[in-house]
Amino acid sequence: MEAVREMQAEGGGGLASSRVWDAQEIDADFEAFLSHLRRLEPPADLAPGWVHSSEYWLVDGETYLGRADLRHALTPRLREYGGHVGYEVRPSARRRGHGTALLRLTLERARELGLREVLVTCDTDNLGSRGIIEANGGVLEGEFQVEGHPHPLRRYWITL
């Protein structure tokens, strides 16, 4: 909960998005929150256009550092925007190598799923994510403007 509040104070997205998550509601029913995060895990029966995904948290003892969402396949939209992996590190834990470790560990899970190549995207101006992806072997496909997204994106492929 500290991390959610920290990220919301920063105005972040993902778990920090106050448009999606209400910190008081999460705190009141944490189990429901966890169930929501796990709703796309196999063997969930998914609606058309959705893919199975797995949620992973990076923790140090009792301290939540960040999370990753591993999508098991790509839809046309995920191929354009989002990719196989989305991740975030709480602000107070950034610039300490946690993002690089989080992506590396998530790529190990992707390999266990049988994926041979993984797409990871980030905004062109997100130098931290660019460094994390490149440190994990990301090869730049290019920079693209995606309709509905305010910033150009970089698409990287990582061979597993």
Protein backbone atom coordinates (compact mmCIF):
# COMPACT_ATOMS: atom_id res chain seq x y z
CA MET A 1 0.00 0.00 0.00
CA GLU A 2 2.93 2.32 0.67
CA ALA A 3 4.15 1.78 -2.90
CA VAL A 4 0.70 2.44 -4.39
CA ARG A 5 0.40 5.68 -2.45
CA GLU A 6 3.95 6.64 -3.40
CA MET A 7 3.32 6.05 -7.11
CA GLN A 8 -0.05 7.80 -7.03
CA ALA A 9 1.57 10.85 -5.39
CA GLU A 10 3.99 10.87 -8.33
CA GLY A 11 1.07 10.63 -10.78
CA GLY A 12 2.16 7.28 -12.20
CA GLY A 13 0.21 4.67 -14.16
CA GLY A 14 -0.09 0.93 -13.66
CA LEU A 15 -0.91 -0.01 -10.08
CA ALA A 16 -0.41 3.64 -9.24
CA SER A 17 -3.15 4.91 -11.52
CA SER A 18 -5.68 6.63 -9.30
CA ARG A 19 -8.09 6.41 -12.25
CA VAL A 20 -8.05 2.62 -11.90
CA TRP A 21 -7.11 1.87 -8.30
CA ASP A 22 -8.50 3.47 -5.17
CA ALA A 23 -5.94 2.99 -2.41
CA GLN A 24 -8.65 2.89 0.27
CA GLU A 25 -10.56 0.17 -1.61
CA ILE A 26 -7.39 -1.90 -2.01
CA ASP A 27 -6.60 -1.50 1.67
CA ALA A 28 -10.16 -2.46 2.63
CA ASP A 29 -10.18 -5.69 0.54
CA PHE A 30 -6.65 -6.66 -0.44
CA GLU A 31 -7.73 -10.20 -1.39
CA ALA A 32 -10.17 -8.82 -3.99
CA PHE A 33 -7.37 -6.66 -5.37
CA LEU A 34 -5.08 -9.69 -5.70
CA SER A 35 -7.87 -11.68 -7.36
CA HIS A 36 -8.31 -8.88 -9.88
CA LEU A 37 -4.59 -8.90 -10.68
CA ARG A 38 -4.67 -12.68 -11.22
CA ARG A 39 -7.86 -12.76 -13.33
CA LEU A 40 -5.95 -13.34 -16.60
CA GLU A 41 -3.75 -16.18 -15.36
CA PRO A 42 -4.21 -19.61 -16.93
CA PRO A 43 -6.55 -21.43 -17.04
CA ALA A 44 -8.86 -18.39 -17.05
CA ASP A 45 -11.48 -18.38 -19.79
CA LEU A 46 -10.81 -15.10 -21.58
CA ALA A 47 -12.96 -12.80 -23.66
CA PRO A 48 -11.96 -12.31 -27.31
CA GLY A 49 -8.99 -9.97 -27.65
CA TRP A 50 -7.51 -10.86 -24.27
CA VAL A 51 -4.45 -13.05 -23.58
CA HIS A 52 -3.30 -14.93 -20.53
CA SER A 53 -0.87 -13.04 -18.37
CA SER A 54 1.00 -13.53 -15.12
CA GLU A 55 1.72 -10.92 -12.46
CA TYR A 56 5.06 -10.95 -10.63
CA TRP A 57 6.19 -8.81 -7.73
CA LEU A 58 9.75 -7.99 -6.79
CA VAL A 59 10.09 -7.79 -3.03
CA ASP A 60 12.91 -7.49 -0.53
CA GLY A 61 11.69 -9.13 2.66
CA GLU A 62 8.41 -7.34 3.37
CA THR A 63 9.18 -4.40 1.08
CA TYR A 64 7.45 -4.22 -2.30
CA LEU A 65 9.87 -2.86 -4.92
CA GLY A 66 8.00 -3.30 -8.19
CA ARG A 67 5.98 -5.55 -10.43
CA ALA A 68 5.92 -7.06 -13.90
CA ASP A 69 3.06 -8.30 -16.03
CA LEU A 70 4.01 -11.05 -18.48
CA ARG A 71 1.57 -11.50 -21.35
CA HIS A 72 1.78 -15.02 -22.74
CA ALA A 73 0.97 -14.00 -26.33
CA LEU A 74 0.49 -10.90 -28.46
CA THR A 75 -2.68 -9.52 -29.95
CA PRO A 76 -2.39 -7.02 -32.80
CA ARG A 77 -2.84 -4.20 -30.23
CA LEU A 78 -0.16 -5.62 -27.91
CA ARG A 79 2.14 -6.00 -30.93
CA GLU A 80 1.66 -2.28 -31.56
CA TYR A 81 1.58 -1.04 -27.95
CA GLY A 82 2.34 -2.90 -24.75
CA GLY A 83 4.30 -5.94 -25.82
CA HIS A 84 4.79 -9.08 -23.76
CA VAL A 85 6.07 -7.35 -20.63
CA GLY A 86 4.96 -4.32 -18.68
CA TYR A 87 6.79 -3.38 -15.50
CA GLU A 88 7.12 -0.65 -12.92
CA VAL A 89 9.39 0.08 -9.97
CA ARG A 90 8.23 2.24 -7.08
CA PRO A 91 9.89 5.67 -7.11
CA SER A 92 11.88 5.17 -3.90
CA ALA A 93 13.43 1.98 -5.31
CA ARG A 94 14.48 3.34 -8.70
CA ARG A 95 18.04 3.70 -9.98
CA ARG A 96 19.25 0.77 -7.88
CA GLY A 97 19.13 -2.00 -10.49
CA HIS A 98 15.71 -3.33 -9.44
CA GLY A 99 14.13 -2.68 -12.84
CA THR A 100 16.91 -4.53 -14.63
CA ALA A 101 16.58 -7.46 -12.22
CA LEU A 102 12.78 -7.43 -12.50
CA LEU A 103 12.86 -7.63 -16.28
CA ARG A 104 15.59 -10.32 -16.21
CA LEU A 105 13.52 -12.47 -13.85
CA THR A 106 10.40 -11.94 -15.96
CA LEU A 107 12.30 -13.00 -19.08
CA GLU A 108 13.25 -16.23 -17.27
CA ARG A 109 9.53 -16.88 -16.72
CA ALA A 110 8.84 -16.12 -20.40
CA ARG A 111 11.47 -18.69 -21.37
CA GLU A 112 9.78 -21.25 -19.08
CA LEU A 113 6.51 -20.57 -20.96
CA GLY A 114 8.25 -21.46 -24.22
CA LEU A 115 8.48 -17.96 -25.65
CA ARG A 116 11.46 -17.54 -27.94
CA GLU A 117 11.22 -13.80 -28.46
CA VAL A 118 9.70 -11.12 -26.25
CA LEU A 119 8.53 -7.65 -27.23
CA VAL A 120 9.02 -4.84 -24.70
CA THR A 121 8.02 -1.24 -25.38
CA CYS A 122 8.62 2.10 -23.69
CA ASP A 123 8.12 5.78 -24.40
CA THR A 124 11.05 7.27 -26.30
CA ASP A 125 11.69 9.74 -23.48
CA ASN A 126 11.77 7.06 -20.76
CA LEU A 127 15.54 6.77 -20.47
CA GLY A 128 15.31 4.51 -17.41
CA SER A 129 13.23 1.90 -19.23
CA ARG A 130 15.38 2.17 -22.32
CA GLY A 131 18.42 1.33 -20.19
CA ILE A 132 16.64 -1.56 -18.46
CA ILE A 133 15.51 -3.08 -21.75
CA GLU A 134 18.89 -2.64 -23.44
CA ALA A 135 20.70 -4.12 -20.38
CA ASN A 136 18.52 -7.22 -20.86
CA GLY A 137 19.47 -7.65 -24.52
CA GLY A 138 16.74 -5.57 -26.14
CA VAL A 139 17.29 -4.92 -29.84
CA LEU A 140 15.52 -1.84 -31.10
CA GLU A 141 12.94 -2.48 -33.82
CA GLY A 142 12.26 1.24 -34.18
CA GLU A 143 10.34 4.24 -32.92
CA PHE A 144 6.64 4.49 -33.65
CA GLN A 145 3.73 6.83 -33.06
CA VAL A 146 0.71 4.92 -31.77
CA GLU A 147 -2.77 6.35 -32.15
CA GLY A 148 -4.18 7.37 -28.79
CA HIS A 149 -0.78 7.46 -27.07
CA PRO A 150 0.72 10.91 -26.50
CA HIS A 151 4.39 9.93 -26.92
CA PRO A 152 6.32 8.01 -29.57
CA LEU A 153 7.21 4.46 -28.50
CA ARG A 154 10.34 2.39 -28.88
CA ARG A 155 9.82 -1.31 -29.61
CA TYR A 156 12.52 -3.75 -28.54
CA TRP A 157 12.78 -7.48 -29.17
CA ILE A 158 14.64 -9.74 -26.76
CA THR A 159 15.66 -13.20 -27.95
CA LEU A 160 15.42 -15.77 -25.16
